[in-house]
């Protein structure tokens, strides 16, 4: 079953809201999201998120029309079975949407909600989305999450995409927060974050994960060899809209700022990527299982990377994101990759020549 279409399994302890019962309105920018874009298809609870966000950003007259046509009957019937047991009284619409999606995911998996990775004497904290107003004045965002489990969330696109990555890669996001906490404990909070926190921030905002069963593809990407990574092995790349058991490479976006930028795709957009090597069996898994497996692997990879004394953002491999096969129709033509401004030779190939 795709990770994006998990059914809801409400129980007596869950506060679950059907899409029509989440309160609030969102501005027109949310209506610009193309939830069928190939770089969004891996998002956990994508179906619920897209349905709810479209509902909340739809003009009121259209909602009235839907209600009159009976399109909301299903949501109303859910309400009669006690799902609308919790009243939402805050205006923090995105926080409520994400909180609901996280609970639905936990219900489906029959698992507790994800938790923080605690530092020092702290205990794990259950993660949940809360209003940005819950963040105390003067307290660092990452410290607040690490000590309370509460993820401050604003009603904007940036925080919606940030929340969607928390839903999709909760272990990895908790690991990144853990290393933020370690650095804050050592250095305090200042304008200069240092190499560890800079690396976290670049990956968190702009990261992508290349998963491949062909080591040559990963090596070529790191070496800025676009022909050997993206062009010649094109038939080995998985198409997100039509997953293929025989595929040997795929990219999953991690950076929430990158997802926001991709609302208006531009050829120069560049991700900062890591390479995760897998066996061929990975590509035979349903999408939901791929993502859960990948969350474990990326969490381990980032923990190893961030624990090194010489870690820097430069250890993340640049990847022009619209060059990923099947992400953008124009890249089906090999000439797409001849743009030297976007597909640069890079520092690693220059070093090889020296």
C-alpha atoms as a PDB file:
ATOM      1  CA  UNK A   1       0.000   0.000   0.000  1.00  0.00           C
ATOM      2  CA  UNK A   2       1.447   3.404  -0.895  1.00  0.00           C
ATOM      3  CA  UNK A   3       2.629   5.477   2.032  1.00  0.00           C
ATOM      4  CA  UNK A   4       0.537   8.325   0.678  1.00  0.00           C
ATOM      5  CA  UNK A   5      -2.778   6.515   0.987  1.00  0.00           C
ATOM      6  CA  UNK A   6      -2.855   5.000   4.451  1.00  0.00           C
ATOM      7  CA  UNK A   7      -6.380   4.376   5.730  1.00  0.00           C
ATOM      8  CA  UNK A   8      -7.496   5.836   9.008  1.00  0.00           C
ATOM      9  CA  UNK A   9      -7.908   3.407  11.899  1.00  0.00           C
ATOM     10  CA  UNK A  10      -9.572   5.567  14.564  1.00  0.00           C
ATOM     11  CA  UNK A  11      -9.902   4.260  18.100  1.00  0.00           C
ATOM     12  CA  UNK A  12     -11.380   5.518  21.320  1.00  0.00           C
ATOM     13  CA  UNK A  13      -8.170   7.268  22.362  1.00  0.00           C
ATOM     14  CA  UNK A  14      -7.404   9.094  19.121  1.00  0.00           C
ATOM     15  CA  UNK A  15      -8.487  12.628  18.325  1.00  0.00           C
ATOM     16  CA  UNK A  16      -9.059  12.266  14.586  1.00  0.00           C
ATOM     17  CA  UNK A  17     -10.671  14.897  12.389  1.00  0.00           C
ATOM     18  CA  UNK A  18     -12.033  14.168   8.914  1.00  0.00           C
ATOM     19  CA  UNK A  19     -11.005  16.794   6.337  1.00  0.00           C
ATOM     20  CA  UNK A  20     -14.239  18.770   6.562  1.00  0.00           C
ATOM     21  CA  UNK A  21     -13.913  19.098  10.351  1.00  0.00           C
ATOM     22  CA  UNK A  22     -10.501  20.771  10.487  1.00  0.00           C
ATOM     23  CA  UNK A  23     -11.186  24.435  11.170  1.00  0.00           C
ATOM     24  CA  UNK A  24      -9.570  27.408   9.518  1.00  0.00           C
ATOM     25  CA  UNK A  25      -8.855  28.792   6.092  1.00  0.00           C
ATOM     26  CA  UNK A  26      -5.656  28.912   4.098  1.00  0.00           C
ATOM     27  CA  UNK A  27      -4.556  31.457   1.538  1.00  0.00           C
ATOM     28  CA  UNK A  28      -4.402  30.794  -2.189  1.00  0.00           C
ATOM     29  CA  UNK A  29      -0.742  29.784  -2.104  1.00  0.00           C
ATOM     30  CA  UNK A  30      -1.749  26.376  -0.739  1.00  0.00           C
ATOM     31  CA  UNK A  31      -3.954  25.779  -3.763  1.00  0.00           C
ATOM     32  CA  UNK A  32      -0.805  25.958  -5.926  1.00  0.00           C
ATOM     33  CA  UNK A  33       0.526  22.638  -4.602  1.00  0.00           C
ATOM     34  CA  UNK A  34       0.526  19.894  -7.230  1.00  0.00           C
ATOM     35  CA  UNK A  35       0.216  16.846  -5.014  1.00  0.00           C
ATOM     36  CA  UNK A  36       0.777  14.613  -8.057  1.00  0.00           C
ATOM     37  CA  UNK A  37       4.251  16.034  -8.706  1.00  0.00           C
ATOM     38  CA  UNK A  38       6.756  13.141  -8.779  1.00  0.00           C
ATOM     39  CA  UNK A  39       8.844  14.656  -5.976  1.00  0.00           C
ATOM     40  CA  UNK A  40       5.835  14.592  -3.606  1.00  0.00           C
ATOM     41  CA  UNK A  41       4.627  11.053  -4.219  1.00  0.00           C
ATOM     42  CA  UNK A  42       6.665   9.588  -1.342  1.00  0.00           C
ATOM     43  CA  UNK A  43       5.111  11.829   1.313  1.00  0.00           C
ATOM     44  CA  UNK A  44       3.412   9.840   4.066  1.00  0.00           C
ATOM     45  CA  UNK A  45      -0.292  10.615   4.399  1.00  0.00           C
ATOM     46  CA  UNK A  46      -0.174  12.485   1.101  1.00  0.00           C
ATOM     47  CA  UNK A  47      -3.782  11.625   0.275  1.00  0.00           C
ATOM     48  CA  UNK A  48      -5.057  12.962   3.585  1.00  0.00           C
ATOM     49  CA  UNK A  49      -2.853  16.049   3.413  1.00  0.00           C
ATOM     50  CA  UNK A  50      -3.831  16.889  -0.152  1.00  0.00           C
ATOM     51  CA  UNK A  51      -7.542  16.369   0.466  1.00  0.00           C
ATOM     52  CA  UNK A  52      -7.531  18.451   3.630  1.00  0.00           C
ATOM     53  CA  UNK A  53      -5.331  21.261   2.309  1.00  0.00           C
ATOM     54  CA  UNK A  54      -7.434  21.530  -0.848  1.00  0.00           C
ATOM     55  CA  UNK A  55     -10.557  21.690   1.301  1.00  0.00           C
ATOM     56  CA  UNK A  56      -9.142  24.457   3.471  1.00  0.00           C
ATOM     57  CA  UNK A  57      -7.834  26.548   0.586  1.00  0.00           C
ATOM     58  CA  UNK A  58     -10.936  26.205  -1.551  1.00  0.00           C
ATOM     59  CA  UNK A  59     -13.215  29.262  -1.904  1.00  0.00           C
ATOM     60  CA  UNK A  60     -16.217  29.058   0.409  1.00  0.00           C
ATOM     61  CA  UNK A  61     -18.718  29.060  -2.430  1.00  0.00           C
ATOM     62  CA  UNK A  62     -17.131  25.909  -3.835  1.00  0.00           C
ATOM     63  CA  UNK A  63     -17.360  24.266  -0.428  1.00  0.00           C
ATOM     64  CA  UNK A  64     -21.042  25.121  -0.239  1.00  0.00           C
ATOM     65  CA  UNK A  65     -21.513  23.533  -3.637  1.00  0.00           C
ATOM     66  CA  UNK A  66     -19.727  20.384  -2.497  1.00  0.00           C
ATOM     67  CA  UNK A  67     -21.829  20.186   0.624  1.00  0.00           C
ATOM     68  CA  UNK A  68     -25.054  20.555  -1.351  1.00  0.00           C
ATOM     69  CA  UNK A  69     -23.966  17.849  -3.785  1.00  0.00           C
ATOM     70  CA  UNK A  70     -23.359  15.366  -0.959  1.00  0.00           C
ATOM     71  CA  UNK A  71     -19.623  15.128  -1.486  1.00  0.00           C
ATOM     72  CA  UNK A  72     -19.061  15.628   2.218  1.00  0.00           C
ATOM     73  CA  UNK A  73     -21.488  12.925   3.310  1.00  0.00           C
ATOM     74  CA  UNK A  74     -18.636  10.573   4.154  1.00  0.00           C
ATOM     75  CA  UNK A  75     -17.046  13.083   6.510  1.00  0.00           C
ATOM     76  CA  UNK A  76     -20.420  13.726   8.138  1.00  0.00           C
ATOM     77  CA  UNK A  77     -20.986  10.000   8.663  1.00  0.00           C
ATOM     78  CA  UNK A  78     -17.556   9.710  10.258  1.00  0.00           C
ATOM     79  CA  UNK A  79     -18.552  12.449  12.654  1.00  0.00           C
ATOM     80  CA  UNK A  80     -21.661  10.519  13.754  1.00  0.00           C
ATOM     81  CA  UNK A  81     -19.385   7.633  14.801  1.00  0.00           C
ATOM     82  CA  UNK A  82     -17.574   9.805  17.312  1.00  0.00           C
ATOM     83  CA  UNK A  83     -14.479  10.702  15.300  1.00  0.00           C
ATOM     84  CA  UNK A  84     -15.154  14.383  15.843  1.00  0.00           C
ATOM     85  CA  UNK A  85     -14.790  13.847  19.577  1.00  0.00           C
ATOM     86  CA  UNK A  86     -12.222  16.605  20.046  1.00  0.00           C
ATOM     87  CA  UNK A  87     -13.047  20.202  19.326  1.00  0.00           C
ATOM     88  CA  UNK A  88     -10.336  22.275  17.710  1.00  0.00           C
ATOM     89  CA  UNK A  89     -10.429  25.720  19.242  1.00  0.00           C
ATOM     90  CA  UNK A  90      -7.172  27.188  17.970  1.00  0.00           C
ATOM     91  CA  UNK A  91      -6.632  28.916  14.625  1.00  0.00           C
ATOM     92  CA  UNK A  92      -3.445  26.917  13.976  1.00  0.00           C
ATOM     93  CA  UNK A  93      -4.742  25.122  10.945  1.00  0.00           C
ATOM     94  CA  UNK A  94      -1.571  23.517   9.610  1.00  0.00           C
ATOM     95  CA  UNK A  95      -0.550  22.276  13.063  1.00  0.00           C
ATOM     96  CA  UNK A  96      -3.938  20.578  13.416  1.00  0.00           C
ATOM     97  CA  UNK A  97      -3.770  19.040   9.950  1.00  0.00           C
ATOM     98  CA  UNK A  98      -0.310  17.611  10.602  1.00  0.00           C
ATOM     99  CA  UNK A  99      -1.210  16.433  14.100  1.00  0.00           C
ATOM    100  CA  UNK A 100      -4.158  14.535  12.671  1.00  0.00           C
ATOM    101  CA  UNK A 101      -2.067  13.009   9.901  1.00  0.00           C
ATOM    102  CA  UNK A 102       0.557  11.825  12.403  1.00  0.00           C
ATOM    103  CA  UNK A 103      -2.085  10.223  14.604  1.00  0.00           C
ATOM    104  CA  UNK A 104      -3.675   8.493  11.622  1.00  0.00           C
ATOM    105  CA  UNK A 105      -0.307   7.094  10.610  1.00  0.00           C
ATOM    106  CA  UNK A 106       0.311   5.769  14.123  1.00  0.00           C
ATOM    107  CA  UNK A 107      -3.150   4.197  14.193  1.00  0.00           C
ATOM    108  CA  UNK A 108      -2.597   2.493  10.871  1.00  0.00           C
ATOM    109  CA  UNK A 109       0.745   1.044  11.930  1.00  0.00           C
ATOM    110  CA  UNK A 110      -0.649   0.237  15.389  1.00  0.00           C
ATOM    111  CA  UNK A 111       2.385   1.946  16.864  1.00  0.00           C
ATOM    112  CA  UNK A 112       2.859   4.815  19.315  1.00  0.00           C
ATOM    113  CA  UNK A 113       3.543   8.276  18.001  1.00  0.00           C
ATOM    114  CA  UNK A 114       7.202   8.922  17.100  1.00  0.00           C
ATOM    115  CA  UNK A 115       9.502  10.390  19.726  1.00  0.00           C
ATOM    116  CA  UNK A 116      12.553  12.573  20.060  1.00  0.00           C
ATOM    117  CA  UNK A 117      16.036  11.106  20.423  1.00  0.00           C
ATOM    118  CA  UNK A 118      16.980  12.419  23.869  1.00  0.00           C
ATOM    119  CA  UNK A 119      20.348  13.826  24.874  1.00  0.00           C
ATOM    120  CA  UNK A 120      22.030  13.445  28.244  1.00  0.00           C
ATOM    121  CA  UNK A 121      19.556  12.770  31.109  1.00  0.00           C
ATOM    122  CA  UNK A 122      16.420  13.659  29.163  1.00  0.00           C
ATOM    123  CA  UNK A 123      13.630  11.220  28.474  1.00  0.00           C
ATOM    124  CA  UNK A 124      12.124  10.672  25.006  1.00  0.00           C
ATOM    125  CA  UNK A 125       9.358  13.115  24.216  1.00  0.00           C
ATOM    126  CA  UNK A 126       6.345  12.250  22.071  1.00  0.00           C
ATOM    127  CA  UNK A 127       6.351  14.362  18.934  1.00  0.00           C
ATOM    128  CA  UNK A 128       3.359  16.515  18.100  1.00  0.00           C
ATOM    129  CA  UNK A 129       2.643  19.649  16.105  1.00  0.00           C
ATOM    130  CA  UNK A 130       1.696  22.758  18.052  1.00  0.00           C
ATOM    131  CA  UNK A 131       1.114  26.425  17.456  1.00  0.00           C
ATOM    132  CA  UNK A 132       4.122  28.627  16.788  1.00  0.00           C
ATOM    133  CA  UNK A 133       2.841  30.637  19.762  1.00  0.00           C
ATOM    134  CA  UNK A 134       3.823  27.732  22.030  1.00  0.00           C
ATOM    135  CA  UNK A 135       7.519  28.496  21.441  1.00  0.00           C
ATOM    136  CA  UNK A 136       8.688  30.633  24.396  1.00  0.00           C
ATOM    137  CA  UNK A 137      10.344  33.933  23.575  1.00  0.00           C
ATOM    138  CA  UNK A 138      14.086  33.540  23.376  1.00  0.00           C
ATOM    139  CA  UNK A 139      14.137  29.737  23.251  1.00  0.00           C
ATOM    140  CA  UNK A 140      15.801  28.046  20.282  1.00  0.00           C
ATOM    141  CA  UNK A 141      13.363  26.213  18.008  1.00  0.00           C
ATOM    142  CA  UNK A 142      15.444  23.011  18.013  1.00  0.00           C
ATOM    143  CA  UNK A 143      15.892  23.070  21.811  1.00  0.00           C
ATOM    144  CA  UNK A 144      12.145  23.414  22.318  1.00  0.00           C
ATOM    145  CA  UNK A 145      11.464  20.386  20.116  1.00  0.00           C
ATOM    146  CA  UNK A 146      14.163  18.327  21.820  1.00  0.00           C
ATOM    147  CA  UNK A 147      12.949  19.026  25.363  1.00  0.00           C
ATOM    148  CA  UNK A 148       9.171  18.948  24.797  1.00  0.00           C
ATOM    149  CA  UNK A 149       8.521  17.006  21.566  1.00  0.00           C
ATOM    150  CA  UNK A 150       6.427  19.949  20.396  1.00  0.00           C
ATOM    151  CA  UNK A 151       7.065  21.114  16.827  1.00  0.00           C
ATOM    152  CA  UNK A 152       6.087  24.806  16.495  1.00  0.00           C
ATOM    153  CA  UNK A 153       4.150  25.230  13.272  1.00  0.00           C
ATOM    154  CA  UNK A 154       2.971  28.299  11.378  1.00  0.00           C
ATOM    155  CA  UNK A 155       0.211  28.488   8.798  1.00  0.00           C
ATOM    156  CA  UNK A 156       2.531  28.721   5.819  1.00  0.00           C
ATOM    157  CA  UNK A 157       3.832  26.496   3.041  1.00  0.00           C
ATOM    158  CA  UNK A 158       7.303  26.182   4.551  1.00  0.00           C
ATOM    159  CA  UNK A 159       5.966  24.644   7.761  1.00  0.00           C
ATOM    160  CA  UNK A 160       3.492  22.432   5.915  1.00  0.00           C
ATOM    161  CA  UNK A 161       6.356  20.882   3.960  1.00  0.00           C
ATOM    162  CA  UNK A 162       8.509  20.699   7.091  1.00  0.00           C
ATOM    163  CA  UNK A 163       5.712  18.814   8.811  1.00  0.00           C
ATOM    164  CA  UNK A 164       5.269  16.488   5.845  1.00  0.00           C
ATOM    165  CA  UNK A 165       8.934  15.475   6.195  1.00  0.00           C
ATOM    166  CA  UNK A 166       8.473  14.880   9.928  1.00  0.00           C
ATOM    167  CA  UNK A 167       5.625  12.527   8.932  1.00  0.00           C
ATOM    168  CA  UNK A 168       7.702  10.773   6.291  1.00  0.00           C
ATOM    169  CA  UNK A 169      11.131  10.557   7.974  1.00  0.00           C
ATOM    170  CA  UNK A 170      10.440  10.921  11.721  1.00  0.00           C
ATOM    171  CA  UNK A 171      13.550   9.012  12.880  1.00  0.00           C
ATOM    172  CA  UNK A 172      15.872  11.016  10.652  1.00  0.00           C
ATOM    173  CA  UNK A 173      14.334  14.325  11.700  1.00  0.00           C
ATOM    174  CA  UNK A 174      14.704  13.283  15.356  1.00  0.00           C
ATOM    175  CA  UNK A 175      18.389  12.448  14.747  1.00  0.00           C
ATOM    176  CA  UNK A 176      18.982  15.869  13.199  1.00  0.00           C
ATOM    177  CA  UNK A 177      17.326  17.494  16.200  1.00  0.00           C
ATOM    178  CA  UNK A 178      19.477  15.368  18.517  1.00  0.00           C
ATOM    179  CA  UNK A 179      22.689  16.689  16.970  1.00  0.00           C
ATOM    180  CA  UNK A 180      21.353  20.237  17.102  1.00  0.00           C
ATOM    181  CA  UNK A 181      20.806  19.689  20.828  1.00  0.00           C
ATOM    182  CA  UNK A 182      24.320  18.351  21.351  1.00  0.00           C
ATOM    183  CA  UNK A 183      25.816  21.388  19.636  1.00  0.00           C
ATOM    184  CA  UNK A 184      23.585  23.808  21.528  1.00  0.00           C
ATOM    185  CA  UNK A 185      24.681  22.172  24.790  1.00  0.00           C
ATOM    186  CA  UNK A 186      28.343  22.622  23.828  1.00  0.00           C
ATOM    187  CA  UNK A 187      28.281  26.043  22.184  1.00  0.00           C
ATOM    188  CA  UNK A 188      25.011  27.691  23.110  1.00  0.00           C
ATOM    189  CA  UNK A 189      22.902  29.539  20.550  1.00  0.00           C
ATOM    190  CA  UNK A 190      24.641  32.146  18.431  1.00  0.00           C
ATOM    191  CA  UNK A 191      24.646  33.516  14.907  1.00  0.00           C
ATOM    192  CA  UNK A 192      27.504  31.153  14.025  1.00  0.00           C
ATOM    193  CA  UNK A 193      26.091  27.644  14.016  1.00  0.00           C
ATOM    194  CA  UNK A 194      29.324  25.771  13.362  1.00  0.00           C
ATOM    195  CA  UNK A 195      30.012  22.989  10.861  1.00  0.00           C
ATOM    196  CA  UNK A 196      27.747  20.369  12.430  1.00  0.00           C
ATOM    197  CA  UNK A 197      24.677  22.563  12.623  1.00  0.00           C
ATOM    198  CA  UNK A 198      25.411  24.071   9.205  1.00  0.00           C
ATOM    199  CA  UNK A 199      25.450  20.561   7.712  1.00  0.00           C
ATOM    200  CA  UNK A 200      22.206  19.688   9.477  1.00  0.00           C
ATOM    201  CA  UNK A 201      20.539  22.859   8.246  1.00  0.00           C
ATOM    202  CA  UNK A 202      21.610  22.409   4.623  1.00  0.00           C
ATOM    203  CA  UNK A 203      20.341  18.826   4.526  1.00  0.00           C
ATOM    204  CA  UNK A 204      17.184  19.618   6.491  1.00  0.00           C
ATOM    205  CA  UNK A 205      16.255  22.501   4.216  1.00  0.00           C
ATOM    206  CA  UNK A 206      17.601  21.298   0.886  1.00  0.00           C
ATOM    207  CA  UNK A 207      18.461  17.608   1.147  1.00  0.00           C
ATOM    208  CA  UNK A 208      17.735  14.692  -1.142  1.00  0.00           C
ATOM    209  CA  UNK A 209      18.447  10.981  -0.872  1.00  0.00           C
ATOM    210  CA  UNK A 210      19.720   8.956  -3.828  1.00  0.00           C
ATOM    211  CA  UNK A 211      18.908   5.306  -3.236  1.00  0.00           C
ATOM    212  CA  UNK A 212      20.643   2.905  -5.573  1.00  0.00           C
ATOM    213  CA  UNK A 213      21.421  -0.764  -6.053  1.00  0.00           C
ATOM    214  CA  UNK A 214      24.090   0.175  -8.610  1.00  0.00           C
ATOM    215  CA  UNK A 215      27.180   1.593  -6.832  1.00  0.00           C
ATOM    216  CA  UNK A 216      28.370   3.147 -10.103  1.00  0.00           C
ATOM    217  CA  UNK A 217      25.402   5.516 -10.182  1.00  0.00           C
ATOM    218  CA  UNK A 218      26.077   6.804  -6.681  1.00  0.00           C
ATOM    219  CA  UNK A 219      29.801   7.190  -7.327  1.00  0.00           C
ATOM    220  CA  UNK A 220      29.150   9.044 -10.575  1.00  0.00           C
ATOM    221  CA  UNK A 221      26.777  11.459  -8.856  1.00  0.00           C
ATOM    222  CA  UNK A 222      29.331  12.285  -6.173  1.00  0.00           C
ATOM    223  CA  UNK A 223      31.922  12.839  -8.935  1.00  0.00           C
ATOM    224  CA  UNK A 224      29.655  15.255 -10.847  1.00  0.00           C
ATOM    225  CA  UNK A 225      29.569  12.760 -13.714  1.00  0.00           C
ATOM    226  CA  UNK A 226      26.059  13.526 -14.919  1.00  0.00           C
ATOM    227  CA  UNK A 227      26.284  11.316 -18.000  1.00  0.00           C
ATOM    228  CA  UNK A 228      27.134   8.227 -15.936  1.00  0.00           C
ATOM    229  CA  UNK A 229      24.675   8.963 -13.140  1.00  0.00           C
ATOM    230  CA  UNK A 230      21.619  10.492 -14.828  1.00  0.00           C
ATOM    231  CA  UNK A 231      21.818  10.073 -18.603  1.00  0.00           C
ATOM    232  CA  UNK A 232      23.292   6.751 -19.753  1.00  0.00           C
ATOM    233  CA  UNK A 233      21.684   4.617 -16.996  1.00  0.00           C
ATOM    234  CA  UNK A 234      18.287   6.294 -17.447  1.00  0.00           C
ATOM    235  CA  UNK A 235      16.554   2.935 -17.937  1.00  0.00           C
ATOM    236  CA  UNK A 236      17.706   1.930 -14.438  1.00  0.00           C
ATOM    237  CA  UNK A 237      15.900   4.837 -12.776  1.00  0.00           C
ATOM    238  CA  UNK A 238      12.564   4.285 -11.072  1.00  0.00           C
ATOM    239  CA  UNK A 239       9.579   6.258 -12.315  1.00  0.00           C
ATOM    240  CA  UNK A 240       7.705   7.503  -9.201  1.00  0.00           C
ATOM    241  CA  UNK A 241       4.392   7.344 -11.063  1.00  0.00           C
ATOM    242  CA  UNK A 242       4.992   3.744 -12.174  1.00  0.00           C
ATOM    243  CA  UNK A 243       7.339   1.997  -9.715  1.00  0.00           C
ATOM    244  CA  UNK A 244       9.385  -0.779 -11.304  1.00  0.00           C
ATOM    245  CA  UNK A 245      10.747  -3.824  -9.458  1.00  0.00           C
ATOM    246  CA  UNK A 246      13.733  -3.894 -11.796  1.00  0.00           C
ATOM    247  CA  UNK A 247      14.732  -0.259 -11.143  1.00  0.00           C
ATOM    248  CA  UNK A 248      18.091   0.414  -9.508  1.00  0.00           C
ATOM    249  CA  UNK A 249      17.993   4.098  -8.592  1.00  0.00           C
ATOM    250  CA  UNK A 250      15.543   6.635  -7.185  1.00  0.00           C
ATOM    251  CA  UNK A 251      15.636  10.015  -5.456  1.00  0.00           C
ATOM    252  CA  UNK A 252      13.474  11.010  -2.502  1.00  0.00           C
ATOM    253  CA  UNK A 253      13.480  14.648  -1.411  1.00  0.00           C
ATOM    254  CA  UNK A 254      14.114  15.368   2.258  1.00  0.00           C
ATOM    255  CA  UNK A 255      14.529  19.153   2.268  1.00  0.00           C
ATOM    256  CA  UNK A 256      11.317  20.996   3.033  1.00  0.00           C
ATOM    257  CA  UNK A 257      12.564  24.323   1.650  1.00  0.00           C
ATOM    258  CA  UNK A 258      13.375  22.504  -1.584  1.00  0.00           C
ATOM    259  CA  UNK A 259       9.818  21.178  -1.752  1.00  0.00           C
ATOM    260  CA  UNK A 260       8.553  24.721  -1.301  1.00  0.00           C
ATOM    261  CA  UNK A 261      10.814  25.987  -4.097  1.00  0.00           C
ATOM    262  CA  UNK A 262       9.554  23.225  -6.373  1.00  0.00           C
ATOM    263  CA  UNK A 263       6.108  24.782  -6.366  1.00  0.00           C
ATOM    264  CA  UNK A 264       7.613  26.820  -9.187  1.00  0.00           C
ATOM    265  CA  UNK A 265      10.220  24.475 -10.726  1.00  0.00           C
ATOM    266  CA  UNK A 266      13.360  26.067 -12.155  1.00  0.00           C
ATOM    267  CA  UNK A 267      16.154  24.214 -13.874  1.00  0.00           C
ATOM    268  CA  UNK A 268      18.934  25.641 -11.632  1.00  0.00           C
ATOM    269  CA  UNK A 269      17.364  24.289  -8.421  1.00  0.00           C
ATOM    270  CA  UNK A 270      20.003  22.120  -6.774  1.00  0.00           C
ATOM    271  CA  UNK A 271      19.601  19.675  -3.889  1.00  0.00           C
ATOM    272  CA  UNK A 272      22.335  18.589  -1.486  1.00  0.00           C
ATOM    273  CA  UNK A 273      22.251  14.828  -1.481  1.00  0.00           C
ATOM    274  CA  UNK A 274      23.493  11.707   0.222  1.00  0.00           C
ATOM    275  CA  UNK A 275      23.776   8.265  -1.358  1.00  0.00           C
ATOM    276  CA  UNK A 276      22.216   5.223   0.287  1.00  0.00           C
ATOM    277  CA  UNK A 277      23.220   1.857  -1.160  1.00  0.00           C
ATOM    278  CA  UNK A 278      20.594  -0.892  -1.108  1.00  0.00           C
ATOM    279  CA  UNK A 279      20.054  -4.338  -2.576  1.00  0.00           C
ATOM    280  CA  UNK A 280      17.709  -4.920  -5.476  1.00  0.00           C
ATOM    281  CA  UNK A 281      15.066  -6.082  -3.019  1.00  0.00           C
ATOM    282  CA  UNK A 282      14.464  -2.465  -1.963  1.00  0.00           C
ATOM    283  CA  UNK A 283      12.835  -1.753  -5.319  1.00  0.00           C
ATOM    284  CA  UNK A 284      10.432  -4.676  -4.931  1.00  0.00           C
ATOM    285  CA  UNK A 285       8.957  -3.172  -1.749  1.00  0.00           C
ATOM    286  CA  UNK A 286       5.712  -1.165  -1.647  1.00  0.00           C
ATOM    287  CA  UNK A 287       6.345   2.548  -1.285  1.00  0.00           C
ATOM    288  CA  UNK A 288       5.345   2.667   2.392  1.00  0.00           C
ATOM    289  CA  UNK A 289       7.864  -0.043   3.250  1.00  0.00           C
ATOM    290  CA  UNK A 290      10.564   1.625   1.145  1.00  0.00           C
ATOM    291  CA  UNK A 291      10.153   4.854   3.088  1.00  0.00           C
ATOM    292  CA  UNK A 292      10.159   3.219   6.522  1.00  0.00           C
ATOM    293  CA  UNK A 293      13.288   1.253   5.569  1.00  0.00           C
ATOM    294  CA  UNK A 294      14.883   4.402   4.216  1.00  0.00           C
ATOM    295  CA  UNK A 295      14.098   6.411   7.341  1.00  0.00           C
ATOM    296  CA  UNK A 296      16.172   3.938   9.370  1.00  0.00           C
ATOM    297  CA  UNK A 297      19.034   4.012   6.865  1.00  0.00           C
ATOM    298  CA  UNK A 298      19.156   7.800   6.493  1.00  0.00           C
ATOM    299  CA  UNK A 299      18.970   8.258  10.274  1.00  0.00           C
ATOM    300  CA  UNK A 300      21.990   5.965  10.687  1.00  0.00           C
ATOM    301  CA  UNK A 301      23.859   7.658   7.825  1.00  0.00           C
ATOM    302  CA  UNK A 302      23.340  11.148   9.203  1.00  0.00           C
ATOM    303  CA  UNK A 303      24.263  10.074  12.729  1.00  0.00           C
ATOM    304  CA  UNK A 304      27.552   8.710  11.399  1.00  0.00           C
ATOM    305  CA  UNK A 305      28.221  11.792   9.275  1.00  0.00           C
ATOM    306  CA  UNK A 306      27.398  14.319  11.989  1.00  0.00           C
ATOM    307  CA  UNK A 307      29.539  12.565  14.593  1.00  0.00           C
ATOM    308  CA  UNK A 308      32.710  13.151  12.543  1.00  0.00           C
ATOM    309  CA  UNK A 309      35.019  15.977  13.523  1.00  0.00           C
ATOM    310  CA  UNK A 310      35.535  17.081   9.929  1.00  0.00           C
ATOM    311  CA  UNK A 311      31.888  17.190   8.862  1.00  0.00           C
ATOM    312  CA  UNK A 312      30.938  20.081   6.557  1.00  0.00           C
ATOM    313  CA  UNK A 313      28.044  20.792   4.174  1.00  0.00           C
ATOM    314  CA  UNK A 314      30.478  20.148   1.308  1.00  0.00           C
ATOM    315  CA  UNK A 315      30.138  16.427   2.051  1.00  0.00           C
ATOM    316  CA  UNK A 316      26.617  16.608   0.647  1.00  0.00           C
ATOM    317  CA  UNK A 317      26.681  15.976  -3.106  1.00  0.00           C
ATOM    318  CA  UNK A 318      25.056  18.651  -5.322  1.00  0.00           C
ATOM    319  CA  UNK A 319      22.195  17.295  -7.440  1.00  0.00           C
ATOM    320  CA  UNK A 320      20.286  19.477  -9.957  1.00  0.00           C
ATOM    321  CA  UNK A 321      16.907  18.178  -8.917  1.00  0.00           C
ATOM    322  CA  UNK A 322      15.064  18.554 -12.237  1.00  0.00           C
ATOM    323  CA  UNK A 323      17.775  16.388 -13.785  1.00  0.00           C
ATOM    324  CA  UNK A 324      16.508  13.342 -11.890  1.00  0.00           C
ATOM    325  CA  UNK A 325      15.054  11.000 -14.539  1.00  0.00           C
ATOM    326  CA  UNK A 326      11.227  11.097 -14.596  1.00  0.00           C
ATOM    327  CA  UNK A 327      11.081  14.201 -12.375  1.00  0.00           C
ATOM    328  CA  UNK A 328      10.795  16.611 -15.300  1.00  0.00           C
ATOM    329  CA  UNK A 329       9.568  15.891 -18.831  1.00  0.00           C
ATOM    330  CA  UNK A 330      12.265  18.002 -20.479  1.00  0.00           C
ATOM    331  CA  UNK A 331      15.079  15.823 -19.140  1.00  0.00           C
ATOM    332  CA  UNK A 332      14.020  12.964 -21.418  1.00  0.00           C
ATOM    333  CA  UNK A 333      16.149  14.683 -24.076  1.00  0.00           C
ATOM    334  CA  UNK A 334      19.918  14.217 -23.490  1.00  0.00           C
ATOM    335  CA  UNK A 335      20.590  17.832 -24.511  1.00  0.00           C
ATOM    336  CA  UNK A 336      18.892  18.888 -21.271  1.00  0.00           C
ATOM    337  CA  UNK A 337      22.105  17.946 -19.463  1.00  0.00           C
ATOM    338  CA  UNK A 338      24.389  19.983 -21.727  1.00  0.00           C
ATOM    339  CA  UNK A 339      23.650  23.160 -19.760  1.00  0.00           C
ATOM    340  CA  UNK A 340      27.007  23.754 -18.074  1.00  0.00           C
ATOM    341  CA  UNK A 341      25.575  26.462 -15.832  1.00  0.00           C
ATOM    342  CA  UNK A 342      23.383  23.846 -14.117  1.00  0.00           C
ATOM    343  CA  UNK A 343      25.321  20.610 -14.676  1.00  0.00           C
ATOM    344  CA  UNK A 344      28.761  21.824 -13.664  1.00  0.00           C
ATOM    345  CA  UNK A 345      31.970  19.826 -13.685  1.00  0.00           C
ATOM    346  CA  UNK A 346      32.287  20.383  -9.947  1.00  0.00           C
ATOM    347  CA  UNK A 347      35.097  20.463  -7.446  1.00  0.00           C
ATOM    348  CA  UNK A 348      35.577  16.682  -7.274  1.00  0.00           C
ATOM    349  CA  UNK A 349      36.311  16.180 -10.974  1.00  0.00           C
ATOM    350  CA  UNK A 350      38.671  19.180 -10.859  1.00  0.00           C
ATOM    351  CA  UNK A 351      40.516  17.575  -7.957  1.00  0.00           C
ATOM    352  CA  UNK A 352      40.900  14.338  -9.915  1.00  0.00           C
ATOM    353  CA  UNK A 353      42.618  16.176 -12.753  1.00  0.00           C
ATOM    354  CA  UNK A 354      45.126  17.870 -10.478  1.00  0.00           C
END
